[in-house]
């Protein structure tokens, strides 16, 4: 149990979040978090809905930072972290929270207590339940596919106590997790170039390669107003960022080993993009890597990642999946073609990784 007066900052990035923030902030301030000194900082990503004025009038106890432009989820949180270092230099932990969440009492205390007891933990994610179905899961931690995809786990399952023990996860959901500021000062928060999608995977992968665990903490409960939608408007970011993860974090030997699977997936993704009217976005993702500036940035990021890592790919990739196990992806092609082929490929390839 936390007995010290630790300062913790709850960081919320908002975009057109006025309709969500009243319930979210009310739950945060109603939470019994014991002796923690709780600060709340909202970064508004240039919302046109009057969020900044609303917060100033209705929530004067909340610190608000207005970004002059939309920096995306990654950039908005990074801007918030910069402000936290200036405004709250004694903060020991930062807890990221989505604007469309409602927290259960004690959520923050539970995350901090876990981090205090387990200094080898990089991030601690809350149990995320669906707000519209509070007895069903949003995610119990996010999973990584060996080809760079990330997806929620246990989505839509009824909470019957089957995930009531802490467990290691590949990376935390950006909707609700806490991290020590000592890690942020040394390694940073998100890579702003992601803008949105997979920036939480990037953080989780970075910490894993440093030998730190990402953990799911079920005693911390947060309700998320999440609804899965097959929306491909941001398909460009999904594909661009997936490749960035692979090219930055995998050893060259691993990339060569999985090259046939990558090629097969690219063929499938091109067909998928054509069928769903997003082929232009897919091609744009390819063109992104054709820029000399991008190649230089990628090389710098890769070199930094490979230099700082403390574990090899055998340990790093041991929990990564070869099959798409998300309930969100259960179509015929996934179940009967992609999963058997990629699952079988990864089952063999993973055993060959000794580096």
Protein backbone atom coordinates (compact mmCIF):
# COMPACT_ATOMS: atom_id res chain seq x y z
CA UNK A 1 0.00 0.00 0.00
CA UNK A 2 1.30 3.44 -0.92
CA UNK A 3 2.01 5.44 2.21
CA UNK A 4 4.28 8.14 0.80
CA UNK A 5 3.02 11.40 -0.65
CA UNK A 6 3.92 10.64 -4.25
CA UNK A 7 3.08 13.16 -6.96
CA UNK A 8 1.35 11.64 -9.98
CA UNK A 9 0.14 13.46 -13.09
CA UNK A 10 -2.87 12.22 -15.06
CA UNK A 11 -2.29 13.22 -18.68
CA UNK A 12 -5.29 13.42 -21.01
CA UNK A 13 -4.96 14.38 -24.67
CA UNK A 14 -8.19 15.77 -26.00
CA UNK A 15 -9.51 16.37 -29.49
CA UNK A 16 -13.13 17.49 -29.70
CA UNK A 17 -13.43 15.95 -26.26
CA UNK A 18 -15.82 18.37 -24.62
CA UNK A 19 -18.66 15.82 -24.75
CA UNK A 20 -16.49 13.26 -22.92
CA UNK A 21 -14.42 15.26 -20.47
CA UNK A 22 -17.09 16.11 -17.91
CA UNK A 23 -17.73 12.46 -17.02
CA UNK A 24 -14.08 11.52 -17.36
CA UNK A 25 -12.77 14.28 -15.09
CA UNK A 26 -15.57 13.82 -12.57
CA UNK A 27 -14.57 10.18 -12.14
CA UNK A 28 -10.87 11.06 -11.82
CA UNK A 29 -11.48 13.60 -9.07
CA UNK A 30 -13.96 11.31 -7.28
CA UNK A 31 -11.43 8.47 -7.19
CA UNK A 32 -10.02 7.51 -3.79
CA UNK A 33 -6.31 7.41 -4.53
CA UNK A 34 -5.07 7.53 -0.96
CA UNK A 35 -2.06 9.72 -0.18
CA UNK A 36 -1.15 10.39 -3.80
CA UNK A 37 -0.73 14.00 -4.82
CA UNK A 38 -2.81 13.91 -7.98
CA UNK A 39 -2.42 16.46 -10.75
CA UNK A 40 -4.46 16.51 -13.94
CA UNK A 41 -3.18 17.98 -17.20
CA UNK A 42 -5.33 18.12 -20.33
CA UNK A 43 -3.62 18.82 -23.65
CA UNK A 44 -6.10 20.05 -26.21
CA UNK A 45 -5.12 19.26 -29.80
CA UNK A 46 -6.52 22.44 -31.36
CA UNK A 47 -10.13 21.30 -30.97
CA UNK A 48 -12.75 23.47 -32.67
CA UNK A 49 -15.40 22.51 -30.09
CA UNK A 50 -14.44 25.05 -27.39
CA UNK A 51 -12.77 22.53 -25.07
CA UNK A 52 -10.20 24.99 -23.71
CA UNK A 53 -12.78 27.61 -22.74
CA UNK A 54 -15.02 24.91 -21.27
CA UNK A 55 -12.23 23.58 -19.05
CA UNK A 56 -11.29 27.05 -17.85
CA UNK A 57 -14.88 27.71 -16.82
CA UNK A 58 -16.01 24.30 -15.53
CA UNK A 59 -12.78 22.65 -14.33
CA UNK A 60 -10.44 25.34 -12.91
CA UNK A 61 -8.60 22.66 -10.90
CA UNK A 62 -7.43 21.10 -14.16
CA UNK A 63 -4.25 22.34 -15.80
CA UNK A 64 -4.89 22.85 -19.51
CA UNK A 65 -2.41 23.25 -22.33
CA UNK A 66 -3.71 24.34 -25.73
CA UNK A 67 -1.72 23.09 -28.69
CA UNK A 68 -1.75 25.49 -31.66
CA UNK A 69 -2.27 22.53 -34.01
CA UNK A 70 -3.38 18.92 -33.93
CA UNK A 71 -0.26 16.92 -33.06
CA UNK A 72 -2.02 13.57 -33.00
CA UNK A 73 -2.13 11.25 -30.02
CA UNK A 74 1.65 10.75 -29.96
CA UNK A 75 2.59 14.40 -30.36
CA UNK A 76 -0.10 15.59 -27.96
CA UNK A 77 1.14 13.31 -25.20
CA UNK A 78 4.75 14.32 -25.87
CA UNK A 79 3.75 17.98 -25.56
CA UNK A 80 2.05 17.10 -22.28
CA UNK A 81 5.16 15.33 -21.00
CA UNK A 82 7.27 18.41 -21.80
CA UNK A 83 4.81 20.55 -19.84
CA UNK A 84 4.83 18.11 -16.92
CA UNK A 85 8.60 18.39 -16.64
CA UNK A 86 8.29 22.18 -16.41
CA UNK A 87 5.18 22.41 -14.25
CA UNK A 88 5.51 19.31 -12.06
CA UNK A 89 9.23 18.53 -11.79
CA UNK A 90 8.70 16.33 -8.71
CA UNK A 91 6.17 14.01 -10.33
CA UNK A 92 7.24 10.37 -9.94
CA UNK A 93 4.64 8.83 -12.25
CA UNK A 94 2.56 9.83 -15.26
CA UNK A 95 -0.73 8.10 -16.04
CA UNK A 96 -2.07 8.40 -19.57
CA UNK A 97 -5.84 8.38 -19.88
CA UNK A 98 -8.11 8.64 -22.91
CA UNK A 99 -10.69 11.41 -22.97
CA UNK A 100 -13.48 8.84 -23.51
CA UNK A 101 -12.86 6.86 -20.33
CA UNK A 102 -14.48 6.70 -16.90
CA UNK A 103 -12.31 5.43 -14.06
CA UNK A 104 -13.30 3.29 -11.10
CA UNK A 105 -12.34 4.59 -7.68
CA UNK A 106 -8.78 3.69 -6.75
CA UNK A 107 -7.64 3.04 -10.32
CA UNK A 108 -4.60 5.30 -10.05
CA UNK A 109 -3.55 4.09 -6.61
CA UNK A 110 -3.54 0.49 -7.85
CA UNK A 111 -1.29 1.30 -10.80
CA UNK A 112 1.15 3.27 -8.66
CA UNK A 113 1.27 0.60 -5.97
CA UNK A 114 2.10 -2.03 -8.57
CA UNK A 115 4.89 0.09 -10.04
CA UNK A 116 6.26 0.81 -6.58
CA UNK A 117 6.41 -2.91 -5.79
CA UNK A 118 7.84 -3.92 -9.18
CA UNK A 119 10.64 -1.57 -10.22
CA UNK A 120 11.43 -3.81 -13.21
CA UNK A 121 8.05 -2.85 -14.73
CA UNK A 122 8.05 -0.25 -17.49
CA UNK A 123 4.31 0.29 -17.92
CA UNK A 124 1.28 -0.79 -15.89
CA UNK A 125 -2.02 -0.95 -17.78
CA UNK A 126 -5.43 -0.93 -16.14
CA UNK A 127 -8.17 -3.50 -16.79
CA UNK A 128 -10.11 -1.83 -19.58
CA UNK A 129 -13.80 -2.68 -19.72
CA UNK A 130 -16.38 -1.53 -22.23
CA UNK A 131 -18.37 1.41 -20.88
CA UNK A 132 -21.50 0.34 -22.75
CA UNK A 133 -21.04 -3.28 -21.54
CA UNK A 134 -19.28 -2.89 -18.19
CA UNK A 135 -19.03 -6.63 -17.62
CA UNK A 136 -17.13 -7.14 -20.90
CA UNK A 137 -13.50 -6.43 -21.77
CA UNK A 138 -12.11 -3.79 -24.05
CA UNK A 139 -8.58 -5.16 -23.56
CA UNK A 140 -6.43 -6.90 -20.97
CA UNK A 141 -3.29 -5.70 -22.72
CA UNK A 142 -2.37 -5.46 -26.36
CA UNK A 143 -0.74 -8.25 -28.37
CA UNK A 144 1.83 -8.03 -31.15
CA UNK A 145 1.87 -10.10 -34.32
CA UNK A 146 5.32 -10.93 -35.65
CA UNK A 147 4.55 -8.94 -38.82
CA UNK A 148 4.04 -5.75 -36.81
CA UNK A 149 0.27 -5.71 -36.33
CA UNK A 150 -1.09 -4.85 -32.91
CA UNK A 151 -4.51 -5.69 -31.51
CA UNK A 152 -6.51 -5.84 -28.32
CA UNK A 153 -6.92 -9.05 -26.35
CA UNK A 154 -10.10 -10.47 -24.81
CA UNK A 155 -12.23 -7.87 -26.61
CA UNK A 156 -15.92 -8.55 -26.02
CA UNK A 157 -15.30 -11.39 -23.54
CA UNK A 158 -17.37 -11.36 -20.37
CA UNK A 159 -15.38 -10.65 -17.23
CA UNK A 160 -15.80 -13.80 -15.16
CA UNK A 161 -12.56 -13.48 -13.23
CA UNK A 162 -10.44 -15.21 -15.86
CA UNK A 163 -8.06 -12.23 -16.03
CA UNK A 164 -7.86 -11.34 -12.36
CA UNK A 165 -4.12 -11.91 -12.05
CA UNK A 166 -1.40 -9.51 -13.23
CA UNK A 167 0.27 -10.68 -16.42
CA UNK A 168 2.97 -9.56 -18.82
CA UNK A 169 1.70 -8.04 -22.06
CA UNK A 170 3.41 -7.06 -25.31
CA UNK A 171 2.44 -3.41 -25.00
CA UNK A 172 -0.10 -1.32 -23.08
CA UNK A 173 -3.18 0.33 -24.47
CA UNK A 174 -2.68 4.08 -24.59
CA UNK A 175 -6.17 4.45 -23.12
CA UNK A 176 -5.03 3.84 -19.51
CA UNK A 177 -1.54 3.07 -18.29
CA UNK A 178 1.06 4.50 -15.91
CA UNK A 179 4.82 4.84 -16.24
CA UNK A 180 7.61 6.16 -14.00
CA UNK A 181 8.98 9.55 -14.96
CA UNK A 182 12.53 8.22 -14.57
CA UNK A 183 11.93 6.07 -17.65
CA UNK A 184 10.41 8.98 -19.56
CA UNK A 185 13.34 11.27 -18.75
CA UNK A 186 15.80 8.67 -19.96
CA UNK A 187 14.00 7.09 -22.90
CA UNK A 188 11.20 9.51 -23.83
CA UNK A 189 7.49 8.86 -24.29
CA UNK A 190 6.18 8.40 -27.83
CA UNK A 191 7.83 8.76 -31.21
CA UNK A 192 5.95 11.79 -32.54
CA UNK A 193 6.41 10.66 -36.15
CA UNK A 194 3.76 7.98 -35.60
CA UNK A 195 1.09 10.71 -35.19
CA UNK A 196 -1.52 8.05 -34.41
CA UNK A 197 -1.67 4.25 -34.28
CA UNK A 198 1.00 1.91 -32.91
CA UNK A 199 2.78 4.62 -30.93
CA UNK A 200 1.90 2.60 -27.81
CA UNK A 201 3.40 -0.49 -29.46
CA UNK A 202 6.58 1.48 -30.14
CA UNK A 203 6.82 2.43 -26.46
CA UNK A 204 6.10 -1.11 -25.29
CA UNK A 205 8.63 -2.63 -27.68
CA UNK A 206 11.29 -0.13 -26.62
CA UNK A 207 10.80 -0.93 -22.94
CA UNK A 208 10.79 -4.70 -23.60
CA UNK A 209 14.11 -4.48 -25.39
CA UNK A 210 15.46 -2.59 -22.39
CA UNK A 211 14.52 -5.54 -20.21
CA UNK A 212 11.50 -3.84 -18.63
CA UNK A 213 8.10 -5.51 -18.47
CA UNK A 214 4.76 -4.19 -19.64
CA UNK A 215 2.16 -5.42 -17.18
CA UNK A 216 -1.62 -5.71 -16.99
CA UNK A 217 -2.91 -4.76 -13.52
CA UNK A 218 -6.50 -6.04 -13.05
CA UNK A 219 -7.12 -4.28 -9.73
CA UNK A 220 -7.09 -0.97 -11.59
CA UNK A 221 -10.36 -0.66 -13.51
CA UNK A 222 -11.19 1.81 -16.27
CA UNK A 223 -14.29 1.88 -18.49
CA UNK A 224 -13.67 2.82 -22.11
CA UNK A 225 -16.30 4.18 -24.49
CA UNK A 226 -14.80 2.07 -27.23
CA UNK A 227 -16.57 0.60 -30.21
CA UNK A 228 -14.78 -1.39 -32.87
CA UNK A 229 -15.34 -0.01 -36.35
CA UNK A 230 -13.88 -1.30 -39.59
CA UNK A 231 -12.82 2.23 -40.50
CA UNK A 232 -9.91 2.47 -42.93
CA UNK A 233 -9.64 6.24 -43.18
CA UNK A 234 -6.26 6.09 -41.44
CA UNK A 235 -5.00 2.96 -43.18
CA UNK A 236 -1.93 4.90 -44.31
CA UNK A 237 -0.75 5.39 -40.72
CA UNK A 238 -1.43 1.76 -39.81
CA UNK A 239 0.71 0.44 -42.66
CA UNK A 240 3.41 3.08 -42.50
CA UNK A 241 3.85 2.69 -38.75
CA UNK A 242 3.76 -1.13 -38.86
CA UNK A 243 6.75 -1.14 -41.17
CA UNK A 244 8.56 1.44 -39.04
CA UNK A 245 8.27 -0.85 -36.02
CA UNK A 246 9.73 -3.80 -37.90
CA UNK A 247 12.56 -1.87 -39.53
CA UNK A 248 13.58 -0.14 -36.31
CA UNK A 249 13.36 -2.93 -33.75
CA UNK A 250 14.07 -6.25 -35.48
CA UNK A 251 17.60 -7.45 -36.03
CA UNK A 252 18.62 -7.83 -39.66
CA UNK A 253 18.75 -11.61 -39.31
CA UNK A 254 15.14 -11.62 -38.12
CA UNK A 255 14.00 -9.48 -41.03
CA UNK A 256 15.68 -11.85 -43.47
CA UNK A 257 14.12 -14.87 -41.76
CA UNK A 258 10.59 -13.51 -42.01
CA UNK A 259 11.05 -11.94 -45.46
CA UNK A 260 8.89 -14.57 -47.24
CA UNK A 261 6.06 -13.97 -44.75
CA UNK A 262 6.43 -10.21 -45.17
CA UNK A 263 6.21 -10.57 -48.95
CA UNK A 264 3.12 -12.77 -48.70
CA UNK A 265 1.49 -10.29 -46.33
CA UNK A 266 2.24 -7.39 -48.65
CA UNK A 267 0.53 -9.21 -51.52
CA UNK A 268 -2.47 -9.76 -49.28
CA UNK A 269 -2.49 -6.16 -48.09
CA UNK A 270 -2.43 -4.83 -51.64
CA UNK A 271 -5.46 -6.96 -52.53
CA UNK A 272 -7.18 -5.89 -49.30
CA UNK A 273 -6.44 -2.20 -49.98
CA UNK A 274 -7.81 -2.46 -53.51
CA UNK A 275 -10.99 -4.16 -52.30
CA UNK A 276 -11.62 -1.54 -49.61
CA UNK A 277 -10.81 1.54 -51.63
CA UNK A 278 -7.61 2.43 -49.79
CA UNK A 279 -5.02 1.37 -52.37
CA UNK A 280 -3.88 4.97 -52.68
CA UNK A 281 -3.17 5.04 -48.94
CA UNK A 282 -1.20 1.80 -49.17
CA UNK A 283 0.89 3.14 -52.04
CA UNK A 284 1.41 6.38 -50.13
CA UNK A 285 2.89 4.34 -47.28
CA UNK A 286 5.39 2.84 -49.74
CA UNK A 287 6.25 6.29 -51.09
CA UNK A 288 6.95 7.50 -47.55
CA UNK A 289 9.92 5.14 -47.41
CA UNK A 290 11.17 6.33 -50.79
CA UNK A 291 12.21 9.67 -49.35
CA UNK A 292 15.91 10.18 -48.58
CA UNK A 293 14.92 12.14 -45.49
CA UNK A 294 12.81 9.24 -44.25
CA UNK A 295 15.64 6.78 -44.88
CA UNK A 296 18.01 8.93 -42.82
CA UNK A 297 15.49 9.25 -39.97
CA UNK A 298 14.84 5.52 -40.09
CA UNK A 299 18.55 4.73 -39.97
CA UNK A 300 19.03 7.03 -36.95
CA UNK A 301 16.07 5.49 -35.14
CA UNK A 302 17.22 1.95 -35.92
CA UNK A 303 20.79 2.60 -34.85
CA UNK A 304 19.62 4.12 -31.55
CA UNK A 305 17.23 1.21 -30.89
CA UNK A 306 19.82 -1.47 -31.64
CA UNK A 307 22.45 0.24 -29.48
CA UNK A 308 20.26 0.59 -26.41
CA UNK A 309 18.68 -2.88 -26.48
CA UNK A 310 19.66 -5.30 -23.72
CA UNK A 311 17.99 -8.49 -24.93
CA UNK A 312 18.13 -10.40 -28.21
CA UNK A 313 15.26 -11.11 -30.56
CA UNK A 314 14.77 -14.62 -29.17
CA UNK A 315 13.69 -13.15 -25.83
CA UNK A 316 12.04 -10.11 -27.33
CA UNK A 317 9.80 -12.03 -29.74
CA UNK A 318 8.94 -15.04 -27.60
CA UNK A 319 5.35 -13.89 -26.91
CA UNK A 320 4.58 -12.48 -30.36
CA UNK A 321 1.78 -14.21 -32.24
CA UNK A 322 1.68 -15.84 -35.65
CA UNK A 323 -2.10 -16.00 -35.80
CA UNK A 324 -4.64 -13.20 -35.69
CA UNK A 325 -6.50 -14.08 -32.51
CA UNK A 326 -8.52 -10.91 -32.12
CA UNK A 327 -12.31 -11.29 -32.17
CA UNK A 328 -12.28 -8.24 -34.44
CA UNK A 329 -10.58 -10.29 -37.19
CA UNK A 330 -12.57 -13.46 -37.80
CA UNK A 331 -13.32 -13.40 -41.53
CA UNK A 332 -13.03 -16.46 -43.77
CA UNK A 333 -9.65 -15.47 -45.24
CA UNK A 334 -8.17 -14.79 -41.81
CA UNK A 335 -9.45 -18.00 -40.20
CA UNK A 336 -8.84 -20.48 -43.00
CA UNK A 337 -5.96 -19.05 -45.02
CA UNK A 338 -3.94 -16.37 -43.21
CA UNK A 339 -3.95 -17.90 -39.73
CA UNK A 340 -2.90 -21.43 -40.75
CA UNK A 341 -0.19 -20.17 -43.11
CA UNK A 342 1.32 -17.38 -41.00
CA UNK A 343 0.80 -19.30 -37.78
CA UNK A 344 2.68 -22.28 -39.19
CA UNK A 345 5.44 -20.11 -40.61
CA UNK A 346 6.00 -18.36 -37.29
CA UNK A 347 5.91 -21.60 -35.31
CA UNK A 348 8.92 -22.79 -37.33
CA UNK A 349 10.72 -19.46 -37.72
CA UNK A 350 10.56 -18.60 -34.03
CA UNK A 351 12.46 -21.77 -33.15
CA UNK A 352 15.24 -20.78 -35.54
CA UNK A 353 15.95 -17.46 -33.82
CA UNK A 354 18.97 -17.94 -31.57
CA UNK A 355 20.20 -14.32 -31.68
